[in-house]
Amino acid sequence: MLDENVIVQIFLVATNAITALVIWKKTGESNRLTRESNDLIATEIRERLKPSLTLKDAKVKQVAENSKNYNFKVDIHNSGQSAAVNLKVSHTVRSSKFSLYEIVRDEKIIKKETRSFDGNLIPPYKIDDFHFDFIPDNPREIWIVLWFRYNFLNRNEEIIWQVHLEDSGSVQFDLFSGTDIEAEREIIKKQQ
């Protein structure tokens, strides 16, 4: 038979082991929650500080009277808090609206027309008069895609602006974020 003191000691050891296990599990859970919280804070800070590329004064005009050639011009502003490093802009023109799926599907074709900029686009500076010439299928309906790629905090970032220029002179803009672009890439990858 076991002595009463031995039984009490076994009980205390078992209780301490269970308590240690519970504390270890709770500490692990606390560490996981702390990591998730830190990740969320880092993401929030990153979003607040990242470059914010905007377009202003978008215009299309015929190069010369009776010419089929047109010229697109736009000013690219960085109204964010940080520089867009190694900025590259790819573009394409069509006579109808693009869905984001179509844009991402045609990524390789669009990126053939790419212009790189030396240095960084630091706020509040801008790139004046980004332009290119093209021959539209329908000069009354012009849809232009500008695909921006740049580095920010050692990560590759991208956004897409879709510009609709109507014959009346009105201009409309659609913006697609890097998250939107990546989601479309995943859809396309699953279909292949």
Protein backbone atom coordinates (compact mmCIF):
# COMPACT_ATOMS: atom_id res chain seq x y z
CA MET A 1 0.00 0.00 0.00
CA LEU A 2 1.04 3.54 -0.67
CA ASP A 3 1.69 5.90 2.15
CA GLU A 4 -0.68 8.85 2.40
CA ASN A 5 2.26 11.29 1.92
CA VAL A 6 3.26 9.52 -1.30
CA ILE A 7 -0.31 9.78 -2.62
CA VAL A 8 -0.38 13.50 -1.78
CA GLN A 9 2.98 14.03 -3.50
CA ILE A 10 1.80 12.14 -6.61
CA PHE A 11 -1.35 14.25 -6.62
CA LEU A 12 0.68 17.48 -6.30
CA VAL A 13 3.07 16.44 -9.07
CA ALA A 14 0.13 15.55 -11.34
CA THR A 15 -1.62 18.83 -10.52
CA ASN A 16 1.57 20.80 -11.23
CA ALA A 17 2.07 18.96 -14.51
CA ILE A 18 -1.51 19.67 -15.60
CA THR A 19 -1.15 23.32 -14.54
CA ALA A 20 2.12 23.61 -16.48
CA LEU A 21 0.48 22.04 -19.54
CA VAL A 22 -2.45 24.47 -19.35
CA ILE A 23 -0.08 27.44 -18.93
CA TRP A 24 2.06 26.19 -21.85
CA LYS A 25 -1.03 25.89 -24.08
CA LYS A 26 -2.31 29.30 -23.01
CA THR A 27 1.13 30.84 -23.58
CA GLY A 28 1.26 29.30 -27.06
CA GLU A 29 -2.19 30.71 -27.81
CA SER A 30 -1.14 34.10 -26.42
CA ASN A 31 2.02 34.06 -28.57
CA ARG A 32 -0.03 33.20 -31.67
CA LEU A 33 -2.48 36.02 -30.92
CA THR A 34 0.43 38.42 -30.34
CA ARG A 35 2.00 37.45 -33.70
CA GLU A 36 -1.34 37.93 -35.47
CA SER A 37 -1.83 41.29 -33.78
CA ASN A 38 1.71 42.40 -34.73
CA ASP A 39 1.10 41.30 -38.34
CA LEU A 40 -2.12 43.34 -38.46
CA ILE A 41 -0.37 46.41 -37.04
CA ALA A 42 2.48 46.03 -39.55
CA THR A 43 -0.03 45.72 -42.41
CA GLU A 44 -1.92 48.80 -41.20
CA ILE A 45 1.29 50.86 -40.96
CA ARG A 46 2.38 49.61 -44.38
CA GLU A 47 -0.96 50.60 -45.93
CA ARG A 48 -0.77 54.08 -44.40
CA LEU A 49 2.76 54.70 -45.60
CA LYS A 50 2.68 53.17 -49.07
CA PRO A 51 2.80 55.23 -52.25
CA SER A 52 -0.51 56.34 -53.69
CA LEU A 53 -0.26 56.75 -57.45
CA THR A 54 -2.99 58.87 -58.98
CA LEU A 55 -3.67 60.13 -62.48
CA LYS A 56 -4.53 63.71 -63.40
CA ASP A 57 -5.19 65.61 -66.59
CA ALA A 58 -5.68 62.59 -68.84
CA LYS A 59 -6.12 63.68 -72.46
CA VAL A 60 -6.27 62.12 -75.89
CA LYS A 61 -5.86 64.12 -79.03
CA GLN A 62 -5.32 63.49 -82.67
CA VAL A 63 -1.67 63.97 -83.63
CA ALA A 64 -2.54 65.87 -86.82
CA GLU A 65 -5.68 66.68 -88.74
CA ASN A 66 -6.83 63.69 -90.85
CA SER A 67 -4.26 61.49 -89.09
CA LYS A 68 -5.10 58.04 -87.70
CA ASN A 69 -2.53 58.56 -84.93
CA TYR A 70 -3.60 59.74 -81.49
CA ASN A 71 -1.60 60.77 -78.44
CA PHE A 72 -2.47 59.95 -74.83
CA LYS A 73 -1.05 62.18 -72.07
CA VAL A 74 -1.47 62.00 -68.31
CA ASP A 75 0.31 63.29 -65.20
CA ILE A 76 1.21 60.62 -62.64
CA HIS A 77 1.20 61.85 -59.03
CA ASN A 78 2.40 60.14 -55.87
CA SER A 79 0.14 61.48 -53.14
CA GLY A 80 1.16 58.80 -50.63
CA GLN A 81 3.66 58.93 -47.80
CA SER A 82 6.56 57.02 -49.40
CA ALA A 83 8.47 56.71 -52.64
CA ALA A 84 7.52 54.32 -55.42
CA VAL A 85 10.91 52.76 -56.21
CA ASN A 86 11.85 51.47 -59.69
CA LEU A 87 8.53 52.52 -61.22
CA LYS A 88 7.47 50.80 -64.43
CA VAL A 89 4.32 51.58 -66.40
CA SER A 90 2.89 49.21 -69.00
CA HIS A 91 0.00 50.22 -71.24
CA THR A 92 -2.45 49.08 -73.86
CA VAL A 93 -5.39 50.60 -75.72
CA ARG A 94 -8.71 49.07 -76.81
CA SER A 95 -12.06 50.28 -78.04
CA SER A 96 -14.11 48.53 -75.32
CA LYS A 97 -13.95 48.14 -71.57
CA PHE A 98 -11.60 45.52 -70.13
CA SER A 99 -12.60 43.30 -67.25
CA LEU A 100 -9.86 42.76 -64.72
CA TYR A 101 -9.85 39.11 -65.77
CA GLU A 102 -9.07 40.14 -69.38
CA ILE A 103 -6.35 42.51 -68.27
CA VAL A 104 -4.58 39.93 -66.13
CA ARG A 105 -5.06 37.22 -68.77
CA ASP A 106 -3.30 39.51 -71.30
CA GLU A 107 -0.57 40.50 -68.82
CA LYS A 108 2.36 39.34 -70.99
CA ILE A 109 1.03 41.20 -74.04
CA ILE A 110 0.37 44.39 -72.06
CA LYS A 111 3.79 44.32 -70.42
CA LYS A 112 5.50 44.34 -73.83
CA GLU A 113 4.75 48.08 -73.92
CA THR A 114 6.57 49.10 -70.74
CA ARG A 115 8.30 52.30 -69.79
CA SER A 116 10.70 52.39 -66.83
CA PHE A 117 11.55 55.52 -64.87
CA ASP A 118 14.96 56.15 -63.39
CA GLY A 119 14.97 56.85 -59.70
CA ASN A 120 12.00 57.02 -57.38
CA LEU A 121 8.68 58.81 -57.53
CA ILE A 122 8.84 60.58 -54.18
CA PRO A 123 5.78 62.40 -52.81
CA PRO A 124 4.64 65.06 -53.57
CA TYR A 125 6.39 64.91 -56.92
CA LYS A 126 4.87 63.76 -60.17
CA ILE A 127 5.76 62.57 -63.61
CA ASP A 128 4.56 65.29 -65.93
CA ASP A 129 3.28 64.40 -69.31
CA PHE A 130 3.55 60.60 -69.45
CA HIS A 131 2.50 59.95 -73.04
CA PHE A 132 2.44 57.51 -75.92
CA ASP A 133 1.03 57.43 -79.45
CA PHE A 134 -1.45 54.87 -80.73
CA ILE A 135 -3.96 54.19 -83.51
CA PRO A 136 -7.41 53.51 -82.03
CA ASP A 137 -9.91 51.06 -83.51
CA ASN A 138 -12.68 53.52 -82.61
CA PRO A 139 -11.66 57.12 -81.77
CA ARG A 140 -15.04 57.68 -80.10
CA GLU A 141 -14.46 54.93 -77.49
CA ILE A 142 -10.93 54.74 -76.09
CA TRP A 143 -10.07 52.51 -73.13
CA ILE A 144 -6.51 52.65 -71.84
CA VAL A 145 -4.96 50.36 -69.25
CA LEU A 146 -1.95 51.60 -67.27
CA TRP A 147 -0.31 48.83 -65.22
CA PHE A 148 2.00 50.25 -62.55
CA ARG A 149 4.69 48.14 -60.89
CA TYR A 150 7.05 49.43 -58.25
CA ASN A 151 8.95 48.43 -55.10
CA PHE A 152 7.99 49.53 -51.62
CA LEU A 153 9.76 48.27 -48.48
CA ASN A 154 11.50 45.53 -50.47
CA ARG A 155 8.22 44.17 -51.82
CA ASN A 156 6.86 44.30 -55.35
CA GLU A 157 3.62 46.23 -55.58
CA GLU A 158 1.27 46.78 -58.50
CA ILE A 159 -1.92 48.59 -59.35
CA ILE A 160 -3.88 49.00 -62.55
CA TRP A 161 -5.67 52.13 -63.68
CA GLN A 162 -8.19 51.77 -66.49
CA VAL A 163 -8.97 55.08 -68.19
CA HIS A 164 -12.06 55.62 -70.33
CA LEU A 165 -11.90 58.63 -72.63
CA GLU A 166 -15.08 59.48 -74.45
CA ASP A 167 -15.50 61.54 -77.59
CA SER A 168 -17.29 64.16 -75.48
CA GLY A 169 -14.08 64.75 -73.53
CA SER A 170 -15.22 63.12 -70.29
CA VAL A 171 -12.76 60.86 -68.51
CA GLN A 172 -13.54 57.99 -66.13
CA PHE A 173 -11.07 55.97 -64.07
CA ASP A 174 -11.19 52.47 -62.58
CA LEU A 175 -8.56 51.35 -60.07
CA PHE A 176 -7.58 47.74 -59.35
CA SER A 177 -5.40 46.97 -56.34
CA GLY A 178 -2.60 44.46 -56.08
CA THR A 179 -4.93 42.22 -54.05
CA ASP A 180 -7.51 42.31 -56.87
CA ILE A 181 -4.82 41.49 -59.44
CA GLU A 182 -3.48 38.57 -57.41
CA ALA A 183 -6.99 37.15 -56.93
CA GLU A 184 -7.53 37.20 -60.72
CA ARG A 185 -4.16 35.49 -61.25
CA GLU A 186 -5.29 32.68 -58.94
CA ILE A 187 -8.55 32.26 -60.89
CA ILE A 188 -6.64 32.10 -64.18
CA LYS A 189 -4.10 29.66 -62.72
CA LYS A 190 -6.92 27.31 -61.60
CA GLN A 191 -8.45 27.38 -65.10
CA GLN A 192 -5.23 26.31 -66.79
